Structure formats: structure tokens, C-alpha cells
C-alpha atoms as a PDB file:
ATOM      1  CA  MET A   1      74.842 -83.152  62.091  1.00  0.00           C
ATOM      2  CA  LYS A   2      71.230 -81.871  62.279  1.00  0.00           C
ATOM      3  CA  SER A   3      72.655 -78.335  61.443  1.00  0.00           C
ATOM      4  CA  LEU A   4      74.004 -80.047  58.113  1.00  0.00           C
ATOM      5  CA  LYS A   5      71.285 -81.891  57.026  1.00  0.00           C
ATOM      6  CA  VAL A   6      68.710 -78.895  57.591  1.00  0.00           C
ATOM      7  CA  LEU A   7      71.605 -77.170  55.261  1.00  0.00           C
ATOM      8  CA  ALA A   8      71.308 -79.701  52.564  1.00  0.00           C
ATOM      9  CA  VAL A   9      67.268 -79.168  52.696  1.00  0.00           C
ATOM     10  CA  LEU A  10      67.603 -75.587  52.115  1.00  0.00           C
ATOM     11  CA  VAL A  11      70.387 -76.232  49.408  1.00  0.00           C
ATOM     12  CA  ALA A  12      68.131 -78.614  47.425  1.00  0.00           C
ATOM     13  CA  GLY A  13      65.250 -76.253  47.761  1.00  0.00           C
ATOM     14  CA  ALA A  14      66.761 -73.827  46.242  1.00  0.00           C
ATOM     15  CA  LEU A  15      67.953 -75.575  43.596  1.00  0.00           C
ATOM     16  CA  GLY A  16      64.506 -77.237  42.816  1.00  0.00           C
ATOM     17  CA  VAL A  17      65.105 -80.754  43.606  1.00  0.00           C
ATOM     18  CA  VAL A  18      62.847 -80.802  46.422  1.00  0.00           C
ATOM     19  CA  SER A  19      61.210 -84.104  45.960  1.00  0.00           C
ATOM     20  CA  GLY A  20      57.057 -83.541  44.905  1.00  0.00           C
ATOM     21  CA  MET A  21      57.828 -79.926  43.316  1.00  0.00           C
ATOM     22  CA  ALA A  22      56.799 -79.659  39.941  1.00  0.00           C
ATOM     23  CA  GLN A  23      58.672 -76.980  37.802  1.00  0.00           C
ATOM     24  CA  SER A  24      57.362 -75.336  34.392  1.00  0.00           C
ATOM     25  CA  VAL A  25      59.233 -72.496  32.597  1.00  0.00           C
ATOM     26  CA  THR A  26      58.064 -70.890  29.362  1.00  0.00           C
ATOM     27  CA  ALA A  27      59.467 -68.723  26.285  1.00  0.00           C
ATOM     28  CA  ASN A  28      57.399 -66.925  23.491  1.00  0.00           C
ATOM     29  CA  SER A  29      58.116 -66.879  19.787  1.00  0.00           C
ATOM     30  CA  THR A  30      57.436 -64.801  17.024  1.00  0.00           C
ATOM     31  CA  ALA A  31      57.428 -65.240  13.481  1.00  0.00           C
ATOM     32  CA  VAL A  32      57.825 -62.456  10.790  1.00  0.00           C
ATOM     33  CA  PHE A  33      57.729 -62.252   7.111  1.00  0.00           C
ATOM     34  CA  THR A  34      57.594 -59.302   4.389  1.00  0.00           C
ATOM     35  CA  VAL A  35      55.587 -59.452   1.623  1.00  0.00           C
ATOM     36  CA  PRO A  36      56.131 -56.839  -1.261  1.00  0.00           C
ATOM     37  CA  THR A  37      53.990 -55.791  -4.055  1.00  0.00           C
ATOM     38  CA  LEU A  38      54.403 -58.914  -6.474  1.00  0.00           C
ATOM     39  CA  ILE A  39      53.380 -58.601 -10.124  1.00  0.00           C
ATOM     40  CA  ARG A  40      53.698 -60.593 -12.953  1.00  0.00           C
ATOM     41  CA  LEU A  41      52.593 -59.909 -16.875  1.00  0.00           C
ATOM     42  CA  SER A  42      53.207 -62.353 -19.773  1.00  0.00           C
ATOM     43  CA  LEU A  43      51.703 -62.769 -23.090  1.00  0.00           C
ATOM     44  CA  ASP A  44      50.541 -66.220 -24.959  1.00  0.00           C
ATOM     45  CA  VAL A  45      51.941 -64.499 -28.335  1.00  0.00           C
ATOM     46  CA  ASN A  46      53.993 -61.502 -29.415  1.00  0.00           C
ATOM     47  CA  THR A  47      52.680 -60.817 -32.541  1.00  0.00           C
ATOM     48  CA  ILE A  48      49.587 -60.203 -34.004  1.00  0.00           C
ATOM     49  CA  ASN A  49      49.305 -61.350 -37.875  1.00  0.00           C
ATOM     50  CA  PHE A  50      46.283 -60.089 -39.883  1.00  0.00           C
ATOM     51  CA  GLY A  51      47.999 -62.329 -42.626  1.00  0.00           C
ATOM     52  CA  THR A  52      47.484 -60.621 -46.472  1.00  0.00           C
ATOM     53  CA  LEU A  53      44.538 -58.679 -46.789  1.00  0.00           C
ATOM     54  CA  THR A  54      42.200 -59.405 -49.259  1.00  0.00           C
ATOM     55  CA  LEU A  55      39.619 -57.212 -51.243  1.00  0.00           C
ATOM     56  CA  ALA A  56      36.465 -58.576 -49.491  1.00  0.00           C
ATOM     57  CA  ASP A  57      38.665 -56.934 -45.997  1.00  0.00           C
ATOM     58  CA  TYR A  58      39.030 -53.504 -47.947  1.00  0.00           C
ATOM     59  CA  ASP A  59      35.757 -53.363 -48.633  1.00  0.00           C
ATOM     60  CA  LEU A  60      34.781 -54.416 -45.274  1.00  0.00           C
ATOM     61  CA  GLY A  61      36.955 -51.592 -43.828  1.00  0.00           C
ATOM     62  CA  TYR A  62      38.451 -53.859 -41.821  1.00  0.00           C
ATOM     63  CA  LYS A  63      40.180 -57.025 -40.741  1.00  0.00           C
ATOM     64  CA  ASP A  64      39.460 -58.936 -37.322  1.00  0.00           C
ATOM     65  CA  ALA A  65      42.108 -60.702 -35.633  1.00  0.00           C
ATOM     66  CA  LEU A  66      39.443 -62.667 -32.661  1.00  0.00           C
ATOM     67  CA  GLU A  67      41.009 -63.893 -29.991  1.00  0.00           C
ATOM     68  CA  ALA A  68      44.446 -63.538 -31.130  1.00  0.00           C
ATOM     69  CA  GLN A  69      46.197 -63.240 -27.890  1.00  0.00           C
ATOM     70  CA  ILE A  70      46.174 -63.850 -24.178  1.00  0.00           C
ATOM     71  CA  VAL A  71      47.401 -61.555 -21.764  1.00  0.00           C
ATOM     72  CA  TYR A  72      48.253 -63.019 -18.390  1.00  0.00           C
ATOM     73  CA  VAL A  73      48.280 -60.986 -14.998  1.00  0.00           C
ATOM     74  CA  TRP A  74      49.157 -61.979 -11.203  1.00  0.00           C
ATOM     75  CA  SER A  75      48.940 -59.591  -8.636  1.00  0.00           C
ATOM     76  CA  ASN A  76      48.957 -59.460  -4.929  1.00  0.00           C
ATOM     77  CA  ARG A  77      47.716 -55.937  -4.756  1.00  0.00           C
ATOM     78  CA  PRO A  78      44.804 -54.509  -6.896  1.00  0.00           C
ATOM     79  CA  TRP A  79      46.313 -53.995 -10.341  1.00  0.00           C
ATOM     80  CA  VAL A  80      45.913 -52.139 -13.238  1.00  0.00           C
ATOM     81  CA  LEU A  81      46.391 -52.988 -17.276  1.00  0.00           C
ATOM     82  CA  SER A  82      47.249 -50.739 -19.520  1.00  0.00           C
ATOM     83  CA  VAL A  83      48.615 -50.422 -23.378  1.00  0.00           C
ATOM     84  CA  ALA A  84      49.749 -47.557 -25.511  1.00  0.00           C
ATOM     85  CA  ALA A  85      51.741 -47.764 -28.822  1.00  0.00           C
ATOM     86  CA  ASP A  86      54.953 -47.377 -28.958  1.00  0.00           C
ATOM     87  CA  SER A  87      54.778 -44.975 -31.918  1.00  0.00           C
ATOM     88  CA  ALA A  88      52.283 -42.364 -33.904  1.00  0.00           C
ATOM     89  CA  THR A  89      52.325 -44.083 -36.956  1.00  0.00           C
ATOM     90  CA  TRP A  90      52.783 -47.899 -38.357  1.00  0.00           C
ATOM     91  CA  THR A  91      55.834 -48.431 -40.250  1.00  0.00           C
ATOM     92  CA  GLY A  92      55.050 -48.696 -44.076  1.00  0.00           C
ATOM     93  CA  PRO A  93      54.518 -47.095 -47.013  1.00  0.00           C
ATOM     94  CA  TRP A  94      52.755 -44.568 -45.547  1.00  0.00           C
ATOM     95  CA  ALA A  95      52.397 -43.324 -42.078  1.00  0.00           C
ATOM     96  CA  LYS A  96      49.366 -45.038 -40.604  1.00  0.00           C
ATOM     97  CA  PRO A  97      48.043 -43.567 -37.785  1.00  0.00           C
ATOM     98  CA  ALA A  98      48.342 -45.844 -34.835  1.00  0.00           C
ATOM     99  CA  SER A  99      44.240 -45.602 -33.768  1.00  0.00           C
ATOM    100  CA  ASP A 100      44.255 -47.641 -36.767  1.00  0.00           C
ATOM    101  CA  LEU A 101      44.607 -51.085 -34.598  1.00  0.00           C
ATOM    102  CA  GLU A 102      41.741 -51.173 -32.623  1.00  0.00           C
ATOM    103  CA  LEU A 103      41.577 -53.733 -29.651  1.00  0.00           C
ATOM    104  CA  ARG A 104      39.387 -55.012 -26.706  1.00  0.00           C
ATOM    105  CA  VAL A 105      38.704 -57.826 -24.135  1.00  0.00           C
ATOM    106  CA  ALA A 106      36.504 -60.567 -25.529  1.00  0.00           C
ATOM    107  CA  ALA A 107      36.315 -62.588 -22.408  1.00  0.00           C
ATOM    108  CA  VAL A 108      38.427 -63.087 -18.410  1.00  0.00           C
ATOM    109  CA  ASN A 109      38.597 -66.237 -16.908  1.00  0.00           C
ATOM    110  CA  ARG A 110      38.005 -64.708 -13.432  1.00  0.00           C
ATOM    111  CA  PRO A 111      35.052 -62.041 -13.905  1.00  0.00           C
ATOM    112  CA  GLU A 112      34.567 -61.833  -9.919  1.00  0.00           C
ATOM    113  CA  ARG A 113      37.478 -60.456  -9.643  1.00  0.00           C
ATOM    114  CA  ILE A 114      37.662 -58.030 -12.545  1.00  0.00           C
ATOM    115  CA  THR A 115      36.433 -54.451 -11.736  1.00  0.00           C
ATOM    116  CA  TYR A 116      36.635 -53.008 -15.294  1.00  0.00           C
ATOM    117  CA  LEU A 117      37.356 -54.258 -18.652  1.00  0.00           C
ATOM    118  CA  LEU A 118      37.729 -52.233 -21.771  1.00  0.00           C
ATOM    119  CA  SER A 119      34.878 -53.940 -23.867  1.00  0.00           C
ATOM    120  CA  THR A 120      34.434 -52.000 -27.114  1.00  0.00           C
ATOM    121  CA  LEU A 121      37.141 -52.204 -29.700  1.00  0.00           C
ATOM    122  CA  THR A 122      39.233 -48.847 -29.008  1.00  0.00           C
ATOM    123  CA  GLY A 123      42.108 -47.418 -31.210  1.00  0.00           C
ATOM    124  CA  LEU A 124      45.391 -47.320 -29.655  1.00  0.00           C
ATOM    125  CA  THR A 125      47.456 -43.870 -29.213  1.00  0.00           C
ATOM    126  CA  THR A 126      51.098 -43.374 -27.534  1.00  0.00           C
ATOM    127  CA  ALA A 127      49.271 -41.773 -24.334  1.00  0.00           C
ATOM    128  CA  GLY A 128      47.660 -45.336 -23.706  1.00  0.00           C
ATOM    129  CA  PHE A 129      44.334 -46.407 -22.186  1.00  0.00           C
ATOM    130  CA  THR A 130      43.282 -48.955 -19.153  1.00  0.00           C
ATOM    131  CA  VAL A 131      42.272 -52.596 -20.462  1.00  0.00           C
ATOM    132  CA  ALA A 132      41.411 -54.039 -17.428  1.00  0.00           C
ATOM    133  CA  GLN A 133      41.897 -53.873 -13.969  1.00  0.00           C
ATOM    134  CA  GLY A 134      41.301 -55.962 -11.278  1.00  0.00           C
ATOM    135  CA  GLN A 135      41.553 -57.350  -7.499  1.00  0.00           C
ATOM    136  CA  PRO A 136      44.544 -59.474  -6.001  1.00  0.00           C
ATOM    137  CA  GLY A 137      44.853 -62.874  -7.739  1.00  0.00           C
ATOM    138  CA  GLY A 138      46.639 -64.924  -9.908  1.00  0.00           C
ATOM    139  CA  ASN A 139      46.726 -66.214 -13.519  1.00  0.00           C
ATOM    140  CA  PHE A 140      43.789 -63.611 -14.549  1.00  0.00           C
ATOM    141  CA  GLN A 141      43.485 -64.308 -18.288  1.00  0.00           C
ATOM    142  CA  HIS A 142      42.621 -61.505 -20.621  1.00  0.00           C
ATOM    143  CA  THR A 143      41.416 -62.753 -24.318  1.00  0.00           C
ATOM    144  CA  MET A 144      42.032 -60.058 -26.789  1.00  0.00           C
ATOM    145  CA  ASP A 145      39.832 -59.034 -29.906  1.00  0.00           C
ATOM    146  CA  PHE A 146      42.368 -57.079 -32.604  1.00  0.00           C
ATOM    147  CA  ARG A 147      40.911 -55.060 -35.745  1.00  0.00           C
ATOM    148  CA  VAL A 148      43.085 -53.530 -38.145  1.00  0.00           C
ATOM    149  CA  LEU A 149      41.013 -50.525 -40.048  1.00  0.00           C
ATOM    150  CA  VAL A 150      41.962 -50.176 -43.676  1.00  0.00           C
ATOM    151  CA  SER A 151      41.051 -48.114 -46.266  1.00  0.00           C
ATOM    152  CA  TRP A 152      41.098 -48.224 -50.296  1.00  0.00           C
ATOM    153  CA  ASP A 153      42.048 -44.205 -50.273  1.00  0.00           C
ATOM    154  CA  ASN A 154      45.205 -44.957 -47.737  1.00  0.00           C
ATOM    155  CA  ASP A 155      46.358 -48.194 -47.008  1.00  0.00           C
ATOM    156  CA  VAL A 156      48.617 -48.234 -50.421  1.00  0.00           C
ATOM    157  CA  ALA A 157      50.595 -51.704 -50.955  1.00  0.00           C
ATOM    158  CA  GLY A 158      53.343 -52.642 -48.722  1.00  0.00           C
ATOM    159  CA  ASN A 159      54.177 -54.543 -45.218  1.00  0.00           C
ATOM    160  CA  TYR A 160      52.791 -52.516 -42.051  1.00  0.00           C
ATOM    161  CA  SER A 161      53.529 -53.187 -38.443  1.00  0.00           C
ATOM    162  CA  LEU A 162      53.267 -51.131 -35.203  1.00  0.00           C
ATOM    163  CA  SER A 163      54.798 -52.127 -31.636  1.00  0.00           C
ATOM    164  CA  PHE A 164      52.175 -51.718 -28.455  1.00  0.00           C
ATOM    165  CA  THR A 165      53.312 -52.097 -24.688  1.00  0.00           C
ATOM    166  CA  TYR A 166      51.253 -53.619 -22.425  1.00  0.00           C
ATOM    167  CA  THR A 167      52.184 -51.949 -18.917  1.00  0.00           C
ATOM    168  CA  LEU A 168      50.821 -53.807 -15.143  1.00  0.00           C
ATOM    169  CA  THR A 169      50.933 -51.518 -12.421  1.00  0.00           C
ATOM    170  CA  ALA A 170      50.163 -52.193  -9.054  1.00  0.00           C
ATOM    171  CA  PRO A 171      49.237 -48.519  -7.537  1.00  0.00           C
END
């Protein structure tokens, strides 16, 4: 009988049921995910409408459309916003050069995150150019000014239009 009790104590000890012995077991885990490059570009309006030009516009040589568009940028990486004319000339009664449409960034809502802004009026080209660039962040708002150059000698009566494209990259 004694040997049976000893055997029972040995079995209980091996199974961890000996009274007074605490046990602890741990297992580690890790959470993972992947963040891809995420960018978003949107416009508050798609058409910059200069309306019908007047004698005063022709005498001045241009017509402005100030704060005519807001370009919104979101990026989780440093980013570059560029713009290019879709064609070298406007559609209309004569081949008005794309460079007769000038633009610039008039204001931004988060200047501390912007590393470059196009602050002088610059004529569009099909090659394009940088409008702004900045650090990662969301809801950057670029308020754009536009100017169309007009000439008594060249801009004959008629309707004109020029398409242009903004491109957002996160190099």
C-alpha cells in the first residue's frame, strides 16, 4: 500500500497537481500589417470659366480668375503635384498657344508641410511643371489663381477651350 501511495504522489507531481505549486505558461504574439503608398487628388471644380471677355480685358491684355479652383492632395509619402496642358494650343478660331493660360498657387491651408509652391503665374506647356510638393499628410488645399492672356492682334472672336491635367506622384 505504501508503494501505491508513493506512486500516486509521483504521478500527481508529474501531472502538476501537487498542492501548493503554482504554474505559469506564456505565448508571444505579433500583429503585422502593410502600408502601401496611398495618394488621392481631387478638384472642387473642373472648369475654369473666364466668361465673356470685355474691351477692358483686351486693353489690359489679360483676364484673371482669382481663387478659381481648389486642388486637394492626400499622401502618406512625400508628394509632387504637377500640371500640363493636354495640347499645345487651345481649340478655337485660331491656334492660341497653351502658354496663354497661366496659373499659380495663391494659398495653401497647411504651409508648414509644403516644401515648394509655384507662386508666380506660369504659362502651361505640354511638358508640364511642378505646382507644389510637400511632406506626408492629408487634405492639403491648394487655392489656384488663373490668368488668360489676350491680344487684339491674335484673339479673334469665338469660343476657346484648353484642357489640362494635374498629376500627383509620390516618388
